[in-house]
Amino acid sequence: MTVMFGLIHLPDGGFEYVRNYEDFASLVRERLGFEAEEIVRELIRQADYNAVKADSDLLSYEMTMEGMREGFVEIDDRVAAIRREMAKGRVNKREVAWLLDVIESRVAEYL
């Protein structure tokens, strides 16, 4: 999670420089108390968890999509082989049946 830290203008007219989450949590404790600091720390933990989970979910999705792409490329290759077989004077039905079985098994993986 990318957050910009820096100079914070406080309600009393003062300024506080915040370099990181720890500085911010400490400032909250100083100004609002321990309970408020705990709330901020929990929000930070949740935000970090959600960011990691989102990255993990995205990676999983990308891997699934790549697997599906590879499956479709294989299906496309098998369809081309069937077309070549069909263009021959004599069609090898066993070859066509095997190619169709391969296609069906790949499609079944994704249904």
C-alpha atoms as a PDB file:
ATOM      1  CA  MET A   1       0.000   0.000   0.000  1.00  0.00           C
ATOM      2  CA  THR A   2       1.481   3.346  -1.021  1.00  0.00           C
ATOM      3  CA  VAL A   3       0.732   6.282   1.231  1.00  0.00           C
ATOM      4  CA  MET A   4       2.326   9.686   1.178  1.00  0.00           C
ATOM      5  CA  PHE A   5       3.715  10.763   4.505  1.00  0.00           C
ATOM      6  CA  GLY A   6       4.992  14.175   5.395  1.00  0.00           C
ATOM      7  CA  LEU A   7       4.080  17.320   7.256  1.00  0.00           C
ATOM      8  CA  ILE A   8       0.701  17.292   8.995  1.00  0.00           C
ATOM      9  CA  HIS A   9      -0.943  20.519  10.099  1.00  0.00           C
ATOM     10  CA  LEU A  10      -2.471  19.982  13.545  1.00  0.00           C
ATOM     11  CA  PRO A  11      -5.670  21.655  14.804  1.00  0.00           C
ATOM     12  CA  ASP A  12      -3.702  23.593  17.466  1.00  0.00           C
ATOM     13  CA  GLY A  13      -1.706  25.292  14.701  1.00  0.00           C
ATOM     14  CA  GLY A  14       1.332  23.117  15.133  1.00  0.00           C
ATOM     15  CA  PHE A  15       2.955  20.803  12.636  1.00  0.00           C
ATOM     16  CA  GLU A  16       4.122  17.234  12.946  1.00  0.00           C
ATOM     17  CA  TYR A  17       6.307  15.392  10.461  1.00  0.00           C
ATOM     18  CA  VAL A  18       5.112  11.831   9.893  1.00  0.00           C
ATOM     19  CA  ARG A  19       7.604   9.512   8.162  1.00  0.00           C
ATOM     20  CA  ASN A  20       5.736   6.210   8.395  1.00  0.00           C
ATOM     21  CA  TYR A  21       2.811   4.325   9.942  1.00  0.00           C
ATOM     22  CA  GLU A  22       4.591   4.083  13.273  1.00  0.00           C
ATOM     23  CA  ASP A  23       4.992   7.865  13.480  1.00  0.00           C
ATOM     24  CA  PHE A  24       1.315   8.311  12.641  1.00  0.00           C
ATOM     25  CA  ALA A  25       0.181   5.775  15.258  1.00  0.00           C
ATOM     26  CA  SER A  26       2.397   7.481  17.870  1.00  0.00           C
ATOM     27  CA  LEU A  27       0.944  10.886  16.973  1.00  0.00           C
ATOM     28  CA  VAL A  28      -2.574   9.509  17.367  1.00  0.00           C
ATOM     29  CA  ARG A  29      -1.622   8.069  20.792  1.00  0.00           C
ATOM     30  CA  GLU A  30      -0.150  11.410  21.895  1.00  0.00           C
ATOM     31  CA  ARG A  31      -3.140  13.428  20.708  1.00  0.00           C
ATOM     32  CA  LEU A  32      -6.074  11.027  21.155  1.00  0.00           C
ATOM     33  CA  GLY A  33      -4.939   8.319  23.540  1.00  0.00           C
ATOM     34  CA  PHE A  34      -4.089   4.639  23.610  1.00  0.00           C
ATOM     35  CA  GLU A  35      -7.510   3.383  22.425  1.00  0.00           C
ATOM     36  CA  ALA A  36      -7.393   5.579  19.312  1.00  0.00           C
ATOM     37  CA  GLU A  37      -3.860   4.356  18.607  1.00  0.00           C
ATOM     38  CA  GLU A  38      -5.064   0.748  18.801  1.00  0.00           C
ATOM     39  CA  ILE A  39      -7.858   1.533  16.338  1.00  0.00           C
ATOM     40  CA  VAL A  40      -5.330   3.073  13.926  1.00  0.00           C
ATOM     41  CA  ARG A  41      -2.974   0.113  14.291  1.00  0.00           C
ATOM     42  CA  GLU A  42      -5.836  -2.320  13.610  1.00  0.00           C
ATOM     43  CA  LEU A  43      -6.858  -0.317  10.532  1.00  0.00           C
ATOM     44  CA  ILE A  44      -3.254  -0.461   9.317  1.00  0.00           C
ATOM     45  CA  ARG A  45      -3.139  -4.248   9.880  1.00  0.00           C
ATOM     46  CA  GLN A  46      -6.407  -4.689   7.989  1.00  0.00           C
ATOM     47  CA  ALA A  47      -5.227  -2.494   5.123  1.00  0.00           C
ATOM     48  CA  ASP A  48      -1.955  -4.428   4.879  1.00  0.00           C
ATOM     49  CA  TYR A  49      -3.821  -7.757   4.959  1.00  0.00           C
ATOM     50  CA  ASN A  50      -6.269  -6.590   2.294  1.00  0.00           C
ATOM     51  CA  ALA A  51      -3.430  -5.354   0.078  1.00  0.00           C
ATOM     52  CA  VAL A  52      -1.586  -8.676   0.366  1.00  0.00           C
ATOM     53  CA  LYS A  53      -4.803 -10.620  -0.256  1.00  0.00           C
ATOM     54  CA  ALA A  54      -5.655  -8.509  -3.306  1.00  0.00           C
ATOM     55  CA  ASP A  55      -2.161  -9.082  -4.725  1.00  0.00           C
ATOM     56  CA  SER A  56      -2.468 -12.816  -4.037  1.00  0.00           C
ATOM     57  CA  ASP A  57      -5.933 -12.998  -5.609  1.00  0.00           C
ATOM     58  CA  LEU A  58      -4.705 -11.110  -8.663  1.00  0.00           C
ATOM     59  CA  LEU A  59      -1.727 -13.441  -9.071  1.00  0.00           C
ATOM     60  CA  SER A  60      -4.007 -16.469  -8.758  1.00  0.00           C
ATOM     61  CA  TYR A  61      -6.382 -15.021 -11.342  1.00  0.00           C
ATOM     62  CA  GLU A  62      -3.519 -14.265 -13.740  1.00  0.00           C
ATOM     63  CA  MET A  63      -2.199 -17.822 -13.375  1.00  0.00           C
ATOM     64  CA  THR A  64      -5.669 -19.230 -14.046  1.00  0.00           C
ATOM     65  CA  MET A  65      -6.050 -17.044 -17.111  1.00  0.00           C
ATOM     66  CA  GLU A  66      -2.647 -18.124 -18.432  1.00  0.00           C
ATOM     67  CA  GLY A  67      -3.623 -21.778 -17.943  1.00  0.00           C
ATOM     68  CA  MET A  68      -6.862 -21.186 -19.802  1.00  0.00           C
ATOM     69  CA  ARG A  69      -5.006 -19.426 -22.604  1.00  0.00           C
ATOM     70  CA  GLU A  70      -2.666 -22.397 -22.970  1.00  0.00           C
ATOM     71  CA  GLY A  71      -5.697 -24.702 -23.057  1.00  0.00           C
ATOM     72  CA  PHE A  72      -7.323 -22.661 -25.812  1.00  0.00           C
ATOM     73  CA  VAL A  73      -4.095 -22.636 -27.815  1.00  0.00           C
ATOM     74  CA  GLU A  74      -4.003 -26.426 -27.545  1.00  0.00           C
ATOM     75  CA  ILE A  75      -7.667 -26.653 -28.601  1.00  0.00           C
ATOM     76  CA  ASP A  76      -6.951 -24.371 -31.553  1.00  0.00           C
ATOM     77  CA  ASP A  77      -4.060 -26.648 -32.586  1.00  0.00           C
ATOM     78  CA  ARG A  78      -6.328 -29.715 -32.374  1.00  0.00           C
ATOM     79  CA  VAL A  79      -9.052 -28.031 -34.448  1.00  0.00           C
ATOM     80  CA  ALA A  80      -6.432 -27.214 -37.093  1.00  0.00           C
ATOM     81  CA  ALA A  81      -5.354 -30.876 -37.089  1.00  0.00           C
ATOM     82  CA  ILE A  82      -8.980 -31.959 -37.563  1.00  0.00           C
ATOM     83  CA  ARG A  83      -9.324 -29.540 -40.477  1.00  0.00           C
ATOM     84  CA  ARG A  84      -6.163 -30.969 -42.066  1.00  0.00           C
ATOM     85  CA  GLU A  85      -7.481 -34.488 -41.593  1.00  0.00           C
ATOM     86  CA  MET A  86     -10.859 -33.529 -43.094  1.00  0.00           C
ATOM     87  CA  ALA A  87      -9.100 -32.057 -46.150  1.00  0.00           C
ATOM     88  CA  LYS A  88      -7.536 -35.418 -46.990  1.00  0.00           C
ATOM     89  CA  GLY A  89      -9.133 -37.689 -49.536  1.00  0.00           C
ATOM     90  CA  ARG A  90      -9.591 -40.378 -46.915  1.00  0.00           C
ATOM     91  CA  VAL A  91     -10.405 -39.320 -43.352  1.00  0.00           C
ATOM     92  CA  ASN A  92      -8.927 -41.322 -40.495  1.00  0.00           C
ATOM     93  CA  LYS A  93     -11.927 -41.471 -38.174  1.00  0.00           C
ATOM     94  CA  ARG A  94      -9.820 -42.772 -35.301  1.00  0.00           C
ATOM     95  CA  GLU A  95      -7.498 -39.788 -35.596  1.00  0.00           C
ATOM     96  CA  VAL A  96     -10.430 -37.361 -35.655  1.00  0.00           C
ATOM     97  CA  ALA A  97     -12.083 -39.147 -32.707  1.00  0.00           C
ATOM     98  CA  TRP A  98      -8.828 -38.953 -30.713  1.00  0.00           C
ATOM     99  CA  LEU A  99      -8.435 -35.240 -31.475  1.00  0.00           C
ATOM    100  CA  LEU A 100     -12.038 -34.619 -30.405  1.00  0.00           C
ATOM    101  CA  ASP A 101     -11.423 -36.553 -27.170  1.00  0.00           C
ATOM    102  CA  VAL A 102      -8.409 -34.329 -26.431  1.00  0.00           C
ATOM    103  CA  ILE A 103     -10.503 -31.222 -27.053  1.00  0.00           C
ATOM    104  CA  GLU A 104     -13.318 -32.485 -24.821  1.00  0.00           C
ATOM    105  CA  SER A 105     -10.909 -33.266 -21.979  1.00  0.00           C
ATOM    106  CA  ARG A 106      -9.336 -29.792 -22.148  1.00  0.00           C
ATOM    107  CA  VAL A 107     -12.753 -28.121 -22.231  1.00  0.00           C
ATOM    108  CA  ALA A 108     -13.882 -30.256 -19.263  1.00  0.00           C
ATOM    109  CA  GLU A 109     -10.940 -28.899 -17.220  1.00  0.00           C
ATOM    110  CA  TYR A 110     -12.475 -25.426 -17.383  1.00  0.00           C
ATOM    111  CA  LEU A 111     -16.170 -26.219 -17.004  1.00  0.00           C
END
